[in-house]
Amino acid sequence: MTDEITKPADGKRARSKAANRQAILEAARGVFALTGYEATTVRDIIRATDLGTGTFYNYFKSKEEVFQALSSDSVRRFRPLLGQVRERSEGFEDFVWGAYRAYFQFLSDENSEAIQGGAPHIALIGVRVDTPEMLTIFEEIRLVFEQMLSAGDAPGVDSEYLAAAAIGIARDLGDHMLLRRPVDVDEATKFAASLLLGGLQAVLFDA
């Protein structure tokens, strides 16, 4: 009988905790877009919610933790899209084009509300290279590159450098893509894929 009474309450508390955490994340995304990450304070984030200061600190210790949570959440949601690209790809070049296209489209979709609202500082998905989720994606991309290139005409290419270059291009180009109007996913994809593939050709030629 006791279990029957406490379980609904426990479930309600769990839903409340999840809702509070999500409210903080959504508020932070909006504030980062309007104010910029560096200028944003914890107080700014709290003011954008209907929660108290104590409630905020029950979930996060700082704005940095909020940013990391946004980053981790976004990377987790992007990872299945990258897997779909890998399954559909017919080769290395096809994977590169598909992966960039998926990333830039995801980035555009994630920030569509901020873009439509005219926010001066786009709330980027916040990709950090030191999170477990991002390190996992890095390793997945490196392995895909290694497998595809070793099966083709480019064995011996440094897959770690290549994966780092591919991700670096995506991150920096994505930032600039979001600042342009209109946001052009196709243009960003073409530039990024051409840059990476052209650079790889130059490396192979010099070798």
N, C-alpha and C. Protein backbone atom coordinates (compact mmCIF):
# COMPACT_ATOMS: atom_id res chain seq x y z
N MET A 1 0.83 -1.20 0.00
CA MET A 1 0.00 0.00 0.00
C MET A 1 0.87 1.26 0.00
N THR A 2 1.96 1.20 0.76
CA THR A 2 2.86 2.35 0.81
C THR A 2 3.45 2.65 -0.55
N ASP A 3 3.84 1.57 -1.28
CA ASP A 3 4.42 1.76 -2.61
C ASP A 3 3.43 2.43 -3.54
N GLU A 4 2.14 2.04 -3.43
CA GLU A 4 1.13 2.60 -4.32
C GLU A 4 0.95 4.09 -4.06
N ILE A 5 1.20 4.53 -2.82
CA ILE A 5 1.02 5.94 -2.48
C ILE A 5 2.24 6.76 -2.90
N THR A 6 3.43 6.22 -2.72
CA THR A 6 4.64 7.00 -2.96
C THR A 6 5.05 7.04 -4.43
N LYS A 7 4.73 6.03 -5.19
CA LYS A 7 5.18 5.99 -6.57
C LYS A 7 4.66 7.16 -7.40
N PRO A 8 3.36 7.50 -7.33
CA PRO A 8 2.90 8.65 -8.10
C PRO A 8 3.60 9.94 -7.70
N ALA A 9 3.85 10.11 -6.42
CA ALA A 9 4.53 11.32 -5.96
C ALA A 9 5.96 11.36 -6.48
N ASP A 10 6.63 10.21 -6.43
CA ASP A 10 7.99 10.14 -6.94
C ASP A 10 8.02 10.46 -8.43
N GLY A 11 7.06 9.92 -9.15
CA GLY A 11 6.99 10.18 -10.58
C GLY A 11 6.75 11.64 -10.88
N LYS A 12 5.89 12.27 -10.08
CA LYS A 12 5.60 13.69 -10.27
C LYS A 12 6.83 14.53 -9.99
N ARG A 13 7.58 14.18 -8.94
CA ARG A 13 8.80 14.92 -8.62
C ARG A 13 9.83 14.78 -9.73
N ALA A 14 9.94 13.57 -10.27
CA ALA A 14 10.89 13.34 -11.35
C ALA A 14 10.53 14.17 -12.58
N ARG A 15 9.23 14.23 -12.89
CA ARG A 15 8.79 15.04 -14.03
C ARG A 15 9.05 16.51 -13.77
N SER A 16 8.85 16.94 -12.53
CA SER A 16 9.09 18.33 -12.17
C SER A 16 10.56 18.68 -12.30
N LYS A 17 11.44 17.78 -11.86
CA LYS A 17 12.88 18.00 -11.97
C LYS A 17 13.30 18.10 -13.43
N ALA A 18 12.77 17.21 -14.24
CA ALA A 18 13.11 17.24 -15.67
C ALA A 18 12.62 18.52 -16.31
N ALA A 19 11.42 18.95 -15.92
CA ALA A 19 10.86 20.19 -16.48
C ALA A 19 11.67 21.40 -16.05
N ASN A 20 12.09 21.43 -14.79
CA ASN A 20 12.90 22.55 -14.31
C ASN A 20 14.23 22.63 -15.05
N ARG A 21 14.86 21.49 -15.20
CA ARG A 21 16.15 21.46 -15.90
C ARG A 21 16.00 21.92 -17.34
N GLN A 22 14.94 21.43 -18.00
CA GLN A 22 14.71 21.82 -19.39
C GLN A 22 14.40 23.31 -19.50
N ALA A 23 13.67 23.84 -18.52
CA ALA A 23 13.34 25.27 -18.53
C ALA A 23 14.61 26.11 -18.43
N ILE A 24 15.54 25.67 -17.62
CA ILE A 24 16.81 26.39 -17.48
C ILE A 24 17.60 26.35 -18.78
N LEU A 25 17.64 25.18 -19.41
CA LEU A 25 18.38 25.04 -20.66
C LEU A 25 17.79 25.90 -21.76
N GLU A 26 16.46 25.89 -21.87
CA GLU A 26 15.80 26.69 -22.91
C GLU A 26 16.01 28.18 -22.66
N ALA A 27 15.92 28.58 -21.39
CA ALA A 27 16.14 29.98 -21.05
C ALA A 27 17.57 30.39 -21.39
N ALA A 28 18.53 29.53 -21.06
CA ALA A 28 19.93 29.83 -21.33
C ALA A 28 20.18 29.97 -22.82
N ARG A 29 19.59 29.10 -23.62
CA ARG A 29 19.77 29.18 -25.08
C ARG A 29 19.30 30.54 -25.58
N GLY A 30 18.15 30.99 -25.10
CA GLY A 30 17.62 32.27 -25.53
C GLY A 30 18.48 33.43 -25.08
N VAL A 31 18.96 33.37 -23.84
CA VAL A 31 19.79 34.46 -23.31
C VAL A 31 21.13 34.50 -24.03
N PHE A 32 21.72 33.33 -24.27
CA PHE A 32 22.99 33.31 -25.01
C PHE A 32 22.81 33.94 -26.38
N ALA A 33 21.65 33.71 -27.00
CA ALA A 33 21.40 34.26 -28.34
C ALA A 33 21.28 35.78 -28.30
N LEU A 34 20.62 36.28 -27.28
CA LEU A 34 20.38 37.73 -27.18
C LEU A 34 21.59 38.50 -26.67
N THR A 35 22.29 37.91 -25.72
CA THR A 35 23.35 38.63 -25.02
C THR A 35 24.75 38.21 -25.43
N GLY A 36 24.88 36.98 -25.88
CA GLY A 36 26.20 36.42 -26.14
C GLY A 36 26.67 35.64 -24.94
N TYR A 37 27.40 34.57 -25.18
CA TYR A 37 27.81 33.69 -24.09
C TYR A 37 28.67 34.41 -23.05
N GLU A 38 29.66 35.16 -23.50
CA GLU A 38 30.59 35.79 -22.58
C GLU A 38 29.89 36.80 -21.67
N ALA A 39 28.93 37.54 -22.22
CA ALA A 39 28.27 38.59 -21.44
C ALA A 39 27.15 38.05 -20.55
N THR A 40 26.71 36.84 -20.80
CA THR A 40 25.60 36.26 -20.03
C THR A 40 26.05 35.90 -18.62
N THR A 41 25.19 36.17 -17.64
CA THR A 41 25.44 35.78 -16.26
C THR A 41 24.40 34.77 -15.81
N VAL A 42 24.68 34.10 -14.72
CA VAL A 42 23.70 33.17 -14.16
C VAL A 42 22.41 33.91 -13.83
N ARG A 43 22.54 35.11 -13.31
CA ARG A 43 21.35 35.89 -12.97
C ARG A 43 20.48 36.15 -14.20
N ASP A 44 21.13 36.40 -15.35
CA ASP A 44 20.37 36.61 -16.59
C ASP A 44 19.54 35.37 -16.93
N ILE A 45 20.15 34.21 -16.76
CA ILE A 45 19.45 32.96 -17.08
C ILE A 45 18.29 32.74 -16.14
N ILE A 46 18.51 32.97 -14.85
CA ILE A 46 17.45 32.78 -13.86
C ILE A 46 16.29 33.72 -14.13
N ARG A 47 16.58 34.97 -14.48
CA ARG A 47 15.53 35.93 -14.77
C ARG A 47 14.67 35.52 -15.96
N ALA A 48 15.23 34.73 -16.85
CA ALA A 48 14.49 34.29 -18.03
C ALA A 48 13.60 33.08 -17.74
N THR A 49 13.63 32.60 -16.51
CA THR A 49 12.76 31.50 -16.08
C THR A 49 11.83 32.01 -14.99
N ASP A 50 10.92 31.15 -14.56
CA ASP A 50 10.07 31.49 -13.40
C ASP A 50 10.55 30.73 -12.17
N LEU A 51 11.83 30.37 -12.18
CA LEU A 51 12.42 29.61 -11.08
C LEU A 51 13.25 30.52 -10.18
N GLY A 52 13.49 30.07 -8.97
CA GLY A 52 14.29 30.82 -8.03
C GLY A 52 15.77 30.50 -8.17
N THR A 53 16.59 31.33 -7.56
CA THR A 53 18.04 31.13 -7.61
C THR A 53 18.44 29.77 -7.04
N GLY A 54 17.81 29.40 -5.92
CA GLY A 54 18.13 28.12 -5.30
C GLY A 54 17.82 26.95 -6.21
N THR A 55 16.72 27.05 -6.95
CA THR A 55 16.35 25.98 -7.87
C THR A 55 17.40 25.83 -8.97
N PHE A 56 17.87 26.95 -9.50
CA PHE A 56 18.91 26.89 -10.53
C PHE A 56 20.12 26.11 -10.02
N TYR A 57 20.58 26.44 -8.83
CA TYR A 57 21.80 25.82 -8.31
C TYR A 57 21.57 24.37 -7.86
N ASN A 58 20.33 23.94 -7.84
CA ASN A 58 20.07 22.51 -7.63
C ASN A 58 20.46 21.69 -8.85
N TYR A 59 20.55 22.36 -10.00
CA TYR A 59 20.81 21.65 -11.25
C TYR A 59 22.17 21.99 -11.85
N PHE A 60 22.60 23.24 -11.72
CA PHE A 60 23.85 23.68 -12.33
C PHE A 60 24.62 24.57 -11.36
N LYS A 61 25.94 24.49 -11.44
CA LYS A 61 26.79 25.30 -10.57
C LYS A 61 27.18 26.62 -11.24
N SER A 62 27.08 26.67 -12.57
CA SER A 62 27.56 27.85 -13.28
C SER A 62 26.96 27.89 -14.68
N LYS A 63 27.17 29.00 -15.38
CA LYS A 63 26.70 29.08 -16.76
C LYS A 63 27.52 28.13 -17.65
N GLU A 64 28.77 27.86 -17.24
CA GLU A 64 29.60 26.94 -18.00
C GLU A 64 28.98 25.54 -18.01
N GLU A 65 28.42 25.13 -16.88
CA GLU A 65 27.78 23.82 -16.82
C GLU A 65 26.52 23.79 -17.68
N VAL A 66 25.80 24.90 -17.71
CA VAL A 66 24.61 24.99 -18.56
C VAL A 66 25.02 24.86 -20.02
N PHE A 67 26.07 25.57 -20.40
CA PHE A 67 26.57 25.52 -21.78
C PHE A 67 26.99 24.11 -22.15
N GLN A 68 27.69 23.44 -21.24
CA GLN A 68 28.12 22.08 -21.51
C GLN A 68 26.93 21.14 -21.66
N ALA A 69 25.89 21.36 -20.85
CA ALA A 69 24.70 20.53 -20.96
C ALA A 69 24.01 20.74 -22.31
N LEU A 70 23.94 21.98 -22.76
CA LEU A 70 23.37 22.26 -24.08
C LEU A 70 24.19 21.59 -25.17
N SER A 71 25.50 21.67 -25.03
CA SER A 71 26.39 21.05 -26.00
C SER A 71 26.20 19.54 -26.05
N SER A 72 26.20 18.92 -24.88
CA SER A 72 26.08 17.47 -24.81
C SER A 72 24.75 16.99 -25.37
N ASP A 73 23.69 17.71 -25.05
CA ASP A 73 22.37 17.35 -25.55
C ASP A 73 22.31 17.43 -27.07
N SER A 74 22.87 18.50 -27.62
CA SER A 74 22.85 18.68 -29.07
C SER A 74 23.69 17.62 -29.77
N VAL A 75 24.85 17.32 -29.24
CA VAL A 75 25.72 16.31 -29.85
C VAL A 75 25.05 14.95 -29.81
N ARG A 76 24.37 14.63 -28.71
CA ARG A 76 23.66 13.34 -28.62
C ARG A 76 22.58 13.23 -29.68
N ARG A 77 21.91 14.34 -29.96
CA ARG A 77 20.84 14.32 -30.96
C ARG A 77 21.38 14.33 -32.38
N PHE A 78 22.57 14.88 -32.56
CA PHE A 78 23.16 14.88 -33.90
C PHE A 78 23.77 13.54 -34.27
N ARG A 79 24.25 12.82 -33.27
CA ARG A 79 24.97 11.57 -33.53
C ARG A 79 24.19 10.57 -34.37
N PRO A 80 22.89 10.34 -34.12
CA PRO A 80 22.14 9.41 -34.97
C PRO A 80 22.06 9.87 -36.43
N LEU A 81 22.02 11.19 -36.64
CA LEU A 81 21.99 11.71 -38.01
C LEU A 81 23.29 11.37 -38.73
N LEU A 82 24.41 11.45 -38.02
CA LEU A 82 25.68 11.10 -38.61
C LEU A 82 25.73 9.61 -38.95
N GLY A 83 25.12 8.80 -38.09
CA GLY A 83 25.05 7.36 -38.36
C GLY A 83 24.25 7.06 -39.61
N GLN A 84 23.17 7.80 -39.82
CA GLN A 84 22.36 7.61 -41.03
C GLN A 84 23.15 7.97 -42.29
N VAL A 85 23.94 9.02 -42.19
CA VAL A 85 24.77 9.41 -43.33
C VAL A 85 25.76 8.30 -43.66
N ARG A 86 26.36 7.73 -42.62
CA ARG A 86 27.33 6.64 -42.82
C ARG A 86 26.68 5.45 -43.50
N GLU A 87 25.47 5.11 -43.10
CA GLU A 87 24.79 3.96 -43.68
C GLU A 87 24.45 4.18 -45.16
N ARG A 88 24.16 5.42 -45.52
CA ARG A 88 23.76 5.72 -46.90
C ARG A 88 24.93 5.98 -47.83
N SER A 89 26.09 6.28 -47.25
CA SER A 89 27.23 6.72 -48.06
C SER A 89 27.78 5.59 -48.92
N GLU A 90 28.18 5.96 -50.13
CA GLU A 90 28.74 4.98 -51.06
C GLU A 90 30.26 5.07 -51.16
N GLY A 91 30.84 5.94 -50.37
CA GLY A 91 32.28 6.09 -50.40
C GLY A 91 32.70 7.28 -49.56
N PHE A 92 34.00 7.55 -49.54
CA PHE A 92 34.54 8.60 -48.69
C PHE A 92 33.99 9.98 -49.05
N GLU A 93 34.05 10.35 -50.33
CA GLU A 93 33.57 11.67 -50.73
C GLU A 93 32.09 11.82 -50.45
N ASP A 94 31.33 10.79 -50.68
CA ASP A 94 29.90 10.83 -50.42
C ASP A 94 29.63 11.05 -48.93
N PHE A 95 30.43 10.40 -48.09
CA PHE A 95 30.28 10.57 -46.65
C PHE A 95 30.61 12.00 -46.23
N VAL A 96 31.68 12.55 -46.76
CA VAL A 96 32.08 13.91 -46.41
C VAL A 96 30.98 14.90 -46.76
N TRP A 97 30.46 14.81 -47.98
CA TRP A 97 29.39 15.72 -48.40
C TRP A 97 28.15 15.53 -47.54
N GLY A 98 27.79 14.29 -47.28
CA GLY A 98 26.58 14.01 -46.50
C GLY A 98 26.71 14.44 -45.05
N ALA A 99 27.89 14.23 -44.47
CA ALA A 99 28.10 14.60 -43.07
C ALA A 99 28.05 16.11 -42.89
N TYR A 100 28.70 16.84 -43.79
CA TYR A 100 28.66 18.30 -43.69
C TYR A 100 27.23 18.82 -43.89
N ARG A 101 26.54 18.24 -44.87
CA ARG A 101 25.16 18.68 -45.13
C ARG A 101 24.28 18.44 -43.90
N ALA A 102 24.42 17.28 -43.28
CA ALA A 102 23.62 16.96 -42.10
C ALA A 102 23.94 17.90 -40.94
N TYR A 103 25.23 18.19 -40.76
CA TYR A 103 25.63 19.06 -39.64
C TYR A 103 25.12 20.48 -39.82
N PHE A 104 25.33 21.03 -41.00
CA PHE A 104 24.91 22.42 -41.22
C PHE A 104 23.39 22.56 -41.19
N GLN A 105 22.67 21.55 -41.66
CA GLN A 105 21.20 21.61 -41.59
C GLN A 105 20.75 21.52 -40.13
N PHE A 106 21.39 20.65 -39.37
CA PHE A 106 21.07 20.52 -37.95
C PHE A 106 21.33 21.84 -37.23
N LEU A 107 22.46 22.46 -37.54
CA LEU A 107 22.83 23.72 -36.92
C LEU A 107 21.80 24.80 -37.25
N SER A 108 21.38 24.85 -38.49
CA SER A 108 20.37 25.82 -38.91
C SER A 108 19.04 25.58 -38.21
N ASP A 109 18.62 24.32 -38.15
CA ASP A 109 17.36 23.99 -37.49
C ASP A 109 17.40 24.32 -36.00
N GLU A 110 18.52 24.02 -35.36
CA GLU A 110 18.66 24.26 -33.92
C GLU A 110 18.53 25.74 -33.58
N ASN A 111 18.95 26.58 -34.49
CA ASN A 111 19.00 28.01 -34.22
C ASN A 111 17.94 28.81 -34.98
N SER A 112 16.99 28.11 -35.56
CA SER A 112 15.98 28.79 -36.39
C SER A 112 15.18 29.82 -35.59
N GLU A 113 14.84 29.49 -34.36
CA GLU A 113 14.05 30.42 -33.55
C GLU A 113 14.84 31.68 -33.24
N ALA A 114 16.11 31.53 -32.89
CA ALA A 114 16.95 32.69 -32.60
C ALA A 114 17.15 33.54 -33.86
N ILE A 115 17.32 32.86 -34.99
CA ILE A 115 17.51 33.57 -36.25
C ILE A 115 16.26 34.37 -36.61
N GLN A 116 15.10 33.74 -36.51
CA GLN A 116 13.84 34.42 -36.83
C GLN A 116 13.58 35.58 -35.89
N GLY A 117 14.05 35.46 -34.64
CA GLY A 117 13.85 36.51 -33.67
C GLY A 117 14.85 37.65 -33.79
N GLY A 118 15.78 37.51 -34.73
CA GLY A 118 16.76 38.57 -34.95
C GLY A 118 17.78 38.70 -33.85
N ALA A 119 18.04 37.60 -33.12
CA ALA A 119 19.02 37.66 -32.03
C ALA A 119 20.40 38.00 -32.59
N PRO A 120 21.08 38.97 -31.99
CA PRO A 120 22.39 39.38 -32.52
C PRO A 120 23.50 38.36 -32.28
N HIS A 121 23.33 37.52 -31.27
CA HIS A 121 24.32 36.49 -30.97
C HIS A 121 23.64 35.13 -31.10
N ILE A 122 23.98 34.44 -32.14
CA ILE A 122 23.32 33.15 -32.37
C ILE A 122 23.68 32.17 -31.26
N ALA A 123 22.66 31.47 -30.76
CA ALA A 123 22.89 30.45 -29.72
C ALA A 123 23.35 29.17 -30.39
N LEU A 124 24.61 29.09 -30.67
CA LEU A 124 25.16 27.93 -31.36
C LEU A 124 24.91 26.66 -30.55
N ILE A 125 24.98 25.52 -31.21
CA ILE A 125 24.74 24.29 -30.48
C ILE A 125 25.85 24.06 -29.46
N GLY A 126 26.89 24.84 -29.52
CA GLY A 126 27.89 24.79 -28.45
C GLY A 126 28.74 23.53 -28.48
N VAL A 127 29.30 23.21 -29.62
CA VAL A 127 30.13 22.01 -29.72
C VAL A 127 31.45 22.25 -29.02
N ARG A 128 31.72 21.47 -28.00
CA ARG A 128 33.00 21.51 -27.30
C ARG A 128 33.74 20.22 -27.60
N VAL A 129 35.06 20.32 -27.76
CA VAL A 129 35.83 19.14 -28.14
C VAL A 129 36.20 18.28 -26.95
N ASP A 130 35.96 18.77 -25.73
CA ASP A 130 36.41 18.03 -24.56
C ASP A 130 35.30 17.28 -23.84
N THR A 131 34.11 17.23 -24.42
CA THR A 131 33.03 16.49 -23.79
C THR A 131 33.09 15.02 -24.21
N PRO A 132 32.62 14.10 -23.36
CA PRO A 132 32.64 12.68 -23.74
C PRO A 132 31.88 12.42 -25.04
N GLU A 133 30.75 13.12 -25.23
CA GLU A 133 29.95 12.91 -26.44
C GLU A 133 30.72 13.32 -27.68
N MET A 134 31.41 14.46 -27.60
CA MET A 134 32.16 14.94 -28.76
C MET A 134 33.37 14.08 -29.03
N LEU A 135 34.01 13.62 -27.99
CA LEU A 135 35.15 12.72 -28.16
C LEU A 135 34.72 11.42 -28.83
N THR A 136 33.51 10.97 -28.50
CA THR A 136 32.98 9.76 -29.13
C THR A 136 32.74 9.99 -30.61
N ILE A 137 32.15 11.13 -30.95
CA ILE A 137 31.91 11.44 -32.36
C ILE A 137 33.23 11.58 -33.11
N PHE A 138 34.20 12.22 -32.47
CA PHE A 138 35.51 12.36 -33.11
C PHE A 138 36.08 10.99 -33.47
N GLU A 139 36.01 10.07 -32.52
CA GLU A 139 36.56 8.74 -32.76
C GLU A 139 35.77 8.01 -33.84
N GLU A 140 34.46 8.19 -33.87
CA GLU A 140 33.64 7.55 -34.90
C GLU A 140 34.03 8.07 -36.29
N ILE A 141 34.18 9.38 -36.40
CA ILE A 141 34.56 9.97 -37.69
C ILE A 141 35.95 9.51 -38.09
N ARG A 142 36.86 9.48 -37.14
CA ARG A 142 38.22 9.02 -37.45
C ARG A 142 38.23 7.60 -37.99
N LEU A 143 37.45 6.73 -37.35
CA LEU A 143 37.40 5.33 -37.78
C LEU A 143 36.76 5.19 -39.16
N VAL A 144 35.71 5.97 -39.41
CA VAL A 144 35.06 5.94 -40.73
C VAL A 144 36.07 6.38 -41.79
N PHE A 145 36.78 7.46 -41.54
CA PHE A 145 37.78 7.93 -42.48
C PHE A 145 38.85 6.86 -42.72
N GLU A 146 39.32 6.27 -41.64
CA GLU A 146 40.38 5.27 -41.75
C GLU A 146 39.93 4.07 -42.57
N GLN A 147 38.72 3.60 -42.29
CA GLN A 147 38.19 2.44 -43.00
C GLN A 147 37.97 2.73 -44.48
N MET A 148 37.38 3.89 -44.77
CA MET A 148 37.08 4.23 -46.16
C MET A 148 38.34 4.50 -46.97
N LEU A 149 39.29 5.20 -46.37
CA LEU A 149 40.50 5.54 -47.11
C LEU A 149 41.41 4.32 -47.30
N SER A 150 41.46 3.45 -46.31
CA SER A 150 42.31 2.26 -46.44
C SER A 150 41.74 1.30 -47.48
N ALA A 151 40.42 1.37 -47.69
CA ALA A 151 39.79 0.51 -48.69
C ALA A 151 39.87 1.12 -50.09
N GLY A 152 40.29 2.40 -50.16
CA GLY A 152 40.36 3.08 -51.45
C GLY A 152 41.79 3.32 -51.90
N ASP A 153 42.02 4.52 -52.36
CA ASP A 153 43.33 4.84 -52.94
C ASP A 153 44.19 5.73 -52.04
N ALA A 154 43.81 5.85 -50.78
CA ALA A 154 44.56 6.75 -49.91
C ALA A 154 44.95 6.12 -48.59
N PRO A 155 45.57 4.93 -48.64
CA PRO A 155 46.02 4.33 -47.38
C PRO A 155 47.15 5.13 -46.77
N GLY A 156 47.27 5.10 -45.47
CA GLY A 156 48.37 5.79 -44.81
C GLY A 156 48.11 7.23 -44.45
N VAL A 157 46.95 7.77 -44.83
CA VAL A 157 46.61 9.14 -44.46
C VAL A 157 46.37 9.18 -42.95
N ASP A 158 46.83 10.23 -42.30
CA ASP A 158 46.66 10.37 -40.85
C ASP A 158 45.19 10.65 -40.55
N SER A 159 44.48 9.63 -40.12
CA SER A 159 43.04 9.76 -39.90
C SER A 159 42.71 10.68 -38.73
N GLU A 160 43.62 10.77 -37.76
CA GLU A 160 43.37 11.65 -36.61
C GLU A 160 43.44 13.12 -37.03
N TYR A 161 44.46 13.47 -37.79
CA TYR A 161 44.57 14.84 -38.31
C TYR A 161 43.38 15.16 -39.22
N LEU A 162 43.03 14.20 -40.05
CA LEU A 162 41.94 14.43 -41.01
C LEU A 162 40.62 14.65 -40.29
N ALA A 163 40.35 13.86 -39.27
CA ALA A 163 39.10 14.03 -38.50
C ALA A 163 39.11 15.37 -37.77
N ALA A 164 40.26 15.75 -37.22
CA ALA A 164 40.36 17.04 -36.53
C ALA A 164 40.12 18.19 -37.51
N ALA A 165 40.67 18.08 -38.71
CA ALA A 165 40.47 19.12 -39.72
C ALA A 165 39.01 19.20 -40.14
N ALA A 166 38.39 18.05 -40.34
CA ALA A 166 36.99 18.01 -40.76
C ALA A 166 36.08 18.66 -39.73
N ILE A 167 36.31 18.34 -38.46
CA ILE A 167 35.47 18.90 -37.39
C ILE A 167 35.76 20.38 -37.20
N GLY A 168 37.02 20.77 -37.31
CA GLY A 168 37.38 22.17 -37.18
C GLY A 168 36.72 23.03 -38.25
N ILE A 169 36.73 22.55 -39.48
CA ILE A 169 36.07 23.27 -40.57
C ILE A 169 34.59 23.40 -40.30
N ALA A 170 33.98 22.32 -39.85
CA ALA A 170 32.54 22.34 -39.58
C ALA A 170 32.19 23.36 -38.50
N ARG A 171 32.94 23.36 -37.42
CA ARG A 171 32.65 24.25 -36.30
C ARG A 171 32.79 25.71 -36.71
N ASP A 172 33.92 26.08 -37.30
CA ASP A 172 34.17 27.48 -37.63
C ASP A 172 33.27 27.97 -38.76
N LEU A 173 33.11 27.15 -39.78
CA LEU A 173 32.27 27.55 -40.90
C LEU A 173 30.81 27.63 -40.47
N GLY A 174 30.39 26.73 -39.59
CA GLY A 174 29.03 26.76 -39.09
C GLY A 174 28.72 28.04 -38.34
N ASP A 175 29.68 28.52 -37.54
CA ASP A 175 29.51 29.78 -36.81
C ASP A 175 29.23 30.92 -37.78
N HIS A 176 30.02 30.99 -38.84
CA HIS A 176 29.86 32.08 -39.81
C HIS A 176 28.60 31.91 -40.65
N MET A 177 28.25 30.68 -40.95
CA MET A 177 27.03 30.43 -41.72
C MET A 177 25.81 31.01 -41.01
N LEU A 178 25.76 30.84 -39.69
CA LEU A 178 24.60 31.30 -38.92
C LEU A 178 24.50 32.82 -38.84
N LEU A 179 25.60 33.50 -39.09
CA LEU A 179 25.57 34.96 -39.04
C LEU A 179 25.13 35.59 -40.36
N ARG A 180 25.04 34.78 -41.41
CA ARG A 180 24.65 35.30 -42.72
C ARG A 180 23.14 35.22 -42.90
N ARG A 181 22.63 36.13 -43.74
CA ARG A 181 21.21 36.11 -44.06
C ARG A 181 21.03 36.14 -45.57
N PRO A 182 20.34 35.19 -46.15
CA PRO A 182 19.76 34.05 -45.42
C PRO A 182 20.83 33.00 -45.09
N VAL A 183 20.52 32.15 -44.15
CA VAL A 183 21.42 31.04 -43.82
C VAL A 183 21.40 30.06 -44.99
N ASP A 184 22.55 29.80 -45.57
CA ASP A 184 22.63 28.97 -46.77
C ASP A 184 23.38 27.68 -46.46
N VAL A 185 22.63 26.63 -46.17
CA VAL A 185 23.21 25.33 -45.83
C VAL A 185 23.97 24.74 -47.01
N ASP A 186 23.41 24.88 -48.22
CA ASP A 186 24.05 24.31 -49.40
C ASP A 186 25.40 24.96 -49.68
N GLU A 187 25.46 26.28 -49.54
CA GLU A 187 26.72 26.99 -49.78
C GLU A 187 27.78 26.55 -48.77
N ALA A 188 27.39 26.45 -47.51
CA ALA A 188 28.33 26.03 -46.48
C ALA A 188 28.82 24.62 -46.73
N THR A 189 27.91 23.74 -47.13
CA THR A 189 28.27 22.35 -47.41
C THR A 189 29.27 22.26 -48.56
N LYS A 190 28.98 22.98 -49.63
CA LYS A 190 29.86 22.95 -50.80
C LYS A 190 31.26 23.45 -50.46
N PHE A 191 31.33 24.56 -49.71
CA PHE A 191 32.63 25.13 -49.37
C PHE A 191 33.42 24.19 -48.46
N ALA A 192 32.76 23.67 -47.42
CA ALA A 192 33.44 22.80 -46.46
C ALA A 192 33.92 21.51 -47.11
N ALA A 193 33.05 20.86 -47.85
CA ALA A 193 33.42 19.58 -48.49
C ALA A 193 34.53 19.78 -49.51
N SER A 194 34.43 20.84 -50.31
CA SER A 194 35.45 21.12 -51.32
C SER A 194 36.79 21.43 -50.67
N LEU A 195 36.75 22.17 -49.56
CA LEU A 195 37.99 22.52 -48.86
C LEU A 195 38.67 21.28 -48.30
N LEU A 196 37.90 20.42 -47.63
CA LEU A 196 38.50 19.22 -47.04
C LEU A 196 39.01 18.27 -48.11
N LEU A 197 38.20 18.01 -49.12
CA LEU A 197 38.60 17.06 -50.16
C LEU A 197 39.76 17.60 -50.99
N GLY A 198 39.74 18.91 -51.26
CA GLY A 198 40.85 19.52 -52.00
C GLY A 198 42.12 19.48 -51.19
N GLY A 199 42.02 19.72 -49.89
CA GLY A 199 43.20 19.65 -49.04
C GLY A 199 43.77 18.24 -48.97
N LEU A 200 42.87 17.26 -48.92
CA LEU A 200 43.32 15.87 -48.88
C LEU A 200 44.06 15.51 -50.16
N GLN A 201 43.55 15.97 -51.28
CA GLN A 201 44.22 15.71 -52.56
C GLN A 201 45.61 16.31 -52.57
N ALA A 202 45.75 17.50 -52.00
CA ALA A 202 47.07 18.14 -51.95
C ALA A 202 48.02 17.35 -51.07
N VAL A 203 47.51 16.81 -49.97
CA VAL A 203 48.35 15.99 -49.08
C VAL A 203 48.82 14.74 -49.81
N LEU A 204 47.91 14.09 -50.52
CA LEU A 204 48.26 12.87 -51.24
C LEU A 204 49.25 13.15 -52.38
N PHE A 205 49.07 14.31 -53.03
CA PHE A 205 49.94 14.66 -54.13
C PHE A 205 51.37 14.89 -53.63
N ASP A 206 51.47 15.61 -52.48
CA ASP A 206 52.79 15.89 -51.93
C ASP A 206 53.48 14.62 -51.44
N ALA A 207 52.63 13.66 -50.98
CA ALA A 207 53.21 12.41 -50.49
C ALA A 207 53.81 11.62 -51.62
